[in-house]
C-alpha cells in the first residue's frame, strides 16, 4: 500500500519525467496529482471507447498507479524517457486482460517498455483494439436478453443453473439460448466479412 504522501507544492512534470519518477518514489503528493490530472483522461477515453464505463476506468487507473508505484519503489522500473506511454500501455493491457477474462481480480503489472516504440507491437495492439471493438459492436447488435445471458456466463462466470435462475429458464434452456446468442454474433461477423 502507498505510504503517507508528502505534501508538496504542485509541480509541472511535463518536461521532466525523470523528476516525476523520482517524486513517485519519494511519495510526493504533487506527483500523484500530476498523474491523475495529466494521464487519467487519456486512459478514461480509451476504456470508455472500448466497452468500459467511467467506474472501470477509475478502477483500472488506480490499480495501475499502485502497481507503477510498487514497480518504482521496488526497483523494477527503469526510466527510459516515456513515462506516459508506460503508464497508459499498462492501463490498456490491464483493460484488455479484464475484457478477455472477465476477472476483476488484481494482477501485478511489471512491464518495462522497450528502448523505443516497436512498429510490430503497435500494429499488433491496433489489430487487437480493432478486433475488440468489432466484437463489442456485434455484442451490442444482439438483443438485451442475449447480452445479459452472455455477460452473466462469460464475464460474471455464472453457471447455466445460475443464469437460468436469473432469466427464468432451466439450465438446459440457458445453455441452448447461449448457443443461439453466439450463433447470432457469428452471423453478424459473417455478413461483415462477405
Protein backbone atom coordinates (compact mmCIF):
# COMPACT_ATOMS: atom_id res chain seq x y z
CA UNK A 1 0.00 0.00 0.00
CA UNK A 2 1.12 3.59 -0.55
CA UNK A 3 2.95 5.17 2.34
CA UNK A 4 1.88 8.53 3.72
CA UNK A 5 2.17 11.08 0.94
CA UNK A 6 4.48 14.01 1.48
CA UNK A 7 2.74 17.34 0.99
CA UNK A 8 4.46 19.34 -1.69
CA UNK A 9 3.61 22.25 -3.95
CA UNK A 10 2.04 21.19 -7.24
CA UNK A 11 4.72 20.76 -9.89
CA UNK A 12 4.54 20.55 -13.65
CA UNK A 13 6.38 17.40 -14.70
CA UNK A 14 5.55 17.73 -18.40
CA UNK A 15 9.17 18.30 -19.39
CA UNK A 16 10.82 16.33 -16.62
CA UNK A 17 9.57 12.78 -16.38
CA UNK A 18 12.72 11.67 -14.55
CA UNK A 19 11.74 14.03 -11.72
CA UNK A 20 8.19 12.63 -11.85
CA UNK A 21 9.52 9.10 -11.35
CA UNK A 22 11.77 10.28 -8.51
CA UNK A 23 8.88 12.08 -6.80
CA UNK A 24 6.67 8.99 -7.14
CA UNK A 25 9.46 7.00 -5.48
CA UNK A 26 9.57 9.65 -2.71
CA UNK A 27 5.74 9.64 -2.30
CA UNK A 28 5.39 13.30 -3.23
CA UNK A 29 1.70 14.21 -3.39
CA UNK A 30 2.20 16.50 -6.37
CA UNK A 31 3.49 13.58 -8.48
CA UNK A 32 0.30 11.59 -7.94
CA UNK A 33 -1.87 14.64 -8.57
CA UNK A 34 0.01 15.14 -11.83
CA UNK A 35 -0.63 11.52 -12.89
CA UNK A 36 -4.36 11.97 -12.39
CA UNK A 37 -4.58 15.42 -13.92
CA UNK A 38 -2.45 14.65 -16.98
CA UNK A 39 -2.90 10.95 -17.75
CA UNK A 40 -6.28 9.86 -16.40
CA UNK A 41 -8.38 11.40 -19.20
CA UNK A 42 -6.40 9.50 -21.85
CA UNK A 43 -7.00 6.21 -20.05
CA UNK A 44 -10.67 7.00 -19.39
CA UNK A 45 -11.36 7.85 -23.04
CA UNK A 46 -9.68 4.63 -24.16
CA UNK A 47 -11.58 2.37 -21.73
CA UNK A 48 -14.93 4.08 -22.33
CA UNK A 49 -14.48 3.75 -26.10
CA UNK A 50 -13.62 0.06 -25.70
CA UNK A 51 -16.67 -1.19 -23.84
CA UNK A 52 -15.97 0.13 -20.37
CA UNK A 53 -17.57 2.64 -18.05
CA UNK A 54 -16.08 5.55 -16.11
CA UNK A 55 -16.02 3.34 -13.00
CA UNK A 56 -13.94 0.76 -14.88
CA UNK A 57 -11.52 3.49 -15.93
CA UNK A 58 -11.14 4.71 -12.33
CA UNK A 59 -10.54 1.17 -11.07
CA UNK A 60 -8.02 0.30 -13.78
CA UNK A 61 -6.16 3.60 -13.42
CA UNK A 62 -5.96 3.27 -9.64
CA UNK A 63 -4.70 -0.33 -9.81
CA UNK A 64 -2.09 0.61 -12.38
CA UNK A 65 -0.91 3.67 -10.43
CA UNK A 66 -0.44 1.45 -7.36
CA UNK A 67 1.39 -1.15 -9.48
CA UNK A 68 3.58 1.54 -11.03
CA UNK A 69 4.37 2.96 -7.60
CA UNK A 70 5.25 -0.55 -6.44
CA UNK A 71 7.44 -1.18 -9.50
CA UNK A 72 9.27 2.11 -8.96
CA UNK A 73 9.83 1.65 -5.22
CA UNK A 74 10.93 -1.97 -5.70
CA UNK A 75 13.41 -1.00 -8.42
CA UNK A 76 11.51 -2.88 -11.15
CA UNK A 77 11.06 0.24 -13.27
CA UNK A 78 13.96 1.62 -15.27
CA UNK A 79 13.33 5.17 -16.52
CA UNK A 80 13.74 5.44 -20.28
CA UNK A 81 12.13 8.77 -21.05
CA UNK A 82 8.50 8.00 -21.88
CA UNK A 83 6.65 7.51 -18.64
CA UNK A 84 3.21 8.45 -20.01
CA UNK A 85 3.47 5.68 -22.64
CA UNK A 86 4.47 3.23 -19.92
CA UNK A 87 1.52 4.10 -17.67
CA UNK A 88 -1.09 4.29 -20.44
CA UNK A 89 0.06 0.99 -22.01
CA UNK A 90 -0.22 -0.76 -18.65
CA UNK A 91 -3.78 0.55 -18.34
CA UNK A 92 -4.61 -0.72 -21.82
CA UNK A 93 -3.10 -4.15 -21.13
CA UNK A 94 -4.98 -4.33 -17.83
CA UNK A 95 -8.26 -3.43 -19.59
CA UNK A 96 -7.69 -6.00 -22.35
CA UNK A 97 -6.99 -8.64 -19.72
CA UNK A 98 -10.19 -7.73 -17.90
CA UNK A 99 -12.21 -7.92 -21.12
CA UNK A 100 -10.61 -11.21 -22.06
CA UNK A 101 -11.04 -12.95 -18.72
CA UNK A 102 -13.93 -11.08 -17.17
CA UNK A 103 -11.86 -11.15 -14.00
CA UNK A 104 -11.88 -8.29 -11.54
CA UNK A 105 -9.02 -9.70 -9.53
CA UNK A 106 -5.83 -7.68 -9.03
CA UNK A 107 -2.84 -8.76 -11.05
CA UNK A 108 0.62 -7.29 -10.56
CA UNK A 109 1.94 -5.44 -13.56
CA UNK A 110 5.68 -5.48 -14.18
CA UNK A 111 6.04 -4.46 -17.81
CA UNK A 112 9.05 -2.33 -18.69
CA UNK A 113 8.82 -0.53 -22.02
CA UNK A 114 11.35 -1.33 -24.73
CA UNK A 115 14.04 1.16 -25.72
CA UNK A 116 11.72 2.61 -28.33
CA UNK A 117 8.28 2.02 -29.76
CA UNK A 118 8.29 -1.14 -31.86
CA UNK A 119 6.24 -0.99 -35.08
CA UNK A 120 5.24 -4.66 -34.77
CA UNK A 121 3.95 -4.11 -31.23
CA UNK A 122 1.95 -1.06 -32.29
CA UNK A 123 0.49 -2.94 -35.26
CA UNK A 124 -0.43 -5.91 -33.07
CA UNK A 125 -2.07 -3.63 -30.49
CA UNK A 126 -4.02 -1.79 -33.19
CA UNK A 127 -5.24 -5.12 -34.58
CA UNK A 128 -6.23 -6.26 -31.10
CA UNK A 129 -8.07 -2.99 -30.43
CA UNK A 130 -9.89 -3.32 -33.75
CA UNK A 131 -10.90 -6.93 -33.00
CA UNK A 132 -12.22 -5.98 -29.57
CA UNK A 133 -14.13 -3.01 -30.99
CA UNK A 134 -15.58 -5.28 -33.69
CA UNK A 135 -16.68 -7.90 -31.14
CA UNK A 136 -18.25 -5.21 -28.93
CA UNK A 137 -20.11 -3.92 -31.97
CA UNK A 138 -21.50 -7.40 -32.66
CA UNK A 139 -22.32 -7.84 -28.98
CA UNK A 140 -24.24 -4.54 -28.96
CA UNK A 141 -26.27 -5.63 -32.01
CA UNK A 142 -27.82 -8.67 -30.30
CA UNK A 143 -30.92 -8.29 -28.14
CA UNK A 144 -30.81 -7.38 -24.46
CA UNK A 145 -31.66 -10.90 -23.28
CA UNK A 146 -28.69 -12.33 -25.18
CA UNK A 147 -26.35 -9.60 -23.91
CA UNK A 148 -27.50 -10.25 -20.36
CA UNK A 149 -27.05 -14.02 -20.71
CA UNK A 150 -23.56 -13.74 -22.25
CA UNK A 151 -22.50 -11.18 -19.65
CA UNK A 152 -23.55 -13.48 -16.81
CA UNK A 153 -21.91 -16.55 -18.36
CA UNK A 154 -18.63 -15.09 -19.66
CA UNK A 155 -17.93 -12.03 -17.54
CA UNK A 156 -19.59 -12.92 -14.24
CA UNK A 157 -18.61 -16.61 -14.62
CA UNK A 158 -22.06 -17.86 -13.59
CA UNK A 159 -23.14 -21.45 -14.21
CA UNK A 160 -26.02 -22.34 -16.54
CA UNK A 161 -28.09 -23.04 -13.44
CA UNK A 162 -27.42 -19.52 -12.07
CA UNK A 163 -28.03 -17.92 -15.47
CA UNK A 164 -31.26 -19.88 -15.88
CA UNK A 165 -32.50 -18.83 -12.44
CA UNK A 166 -31.76 -15.17 -13.19
CA UNK A 167 -33.58 -15.31 -16.54
CA UNK A 168 -36.40 -17.69 -15.59
CA UNK A 169 -35.02 -20.58 -17.66
CA UNK A 170 -33.97 -24.14 -16.96
CA UNK A 171 -30.19 -24.77 -17.07
CA UNK A 172 -30.60 -26.61 -20.40
CA UNK A 173 -32.66 -23.74 -21.85
CA UNK A 174 -29.98 -21.28 -20.72
CA UNK A 175 -27.35 -23.41 -22.47
CA UNK A 176 -29.44 -23.56 -25.66
CA UNK A 177 -30.07 -19.81 -25.51
CA UNK A 178 -26.32 -19.16 -25.13
CA UNK A 179 -25.69 -21.25 -28.24
CA UNK A 180 -28.29 -19.21 -30.19
CA UNK A 181 -26.77 -15.93 -28.97
CA UNK A 182 -23.27 -16.97 -30.08
CA UNK A 183 -24.73 -18.07 -33.40
CA UNK A 184 -26.24 -14.58 -33.89
CA UNK A 185 -22.85 -12.96 -33.24
CA UNK A 186 -21.21 -15.33 -35.73
CA UNK A 187 -23.85 -14.42 -38.32
CA UNK A 188 -23.14 -10.71 -37.82
CA UNK A 189 -19.47 -11.49 -38.26
CA UNK A 190 -20.03 -13.47 -41.47
CA UNK A 191 -22.18 -10.73 -43.02
CA UNK A 192 -19.48 -8.12 -42.41
CA UNK A 193 -16.81 -10.39 -43.92
CA UNK A 194 -18.70 -11.20 -47.11
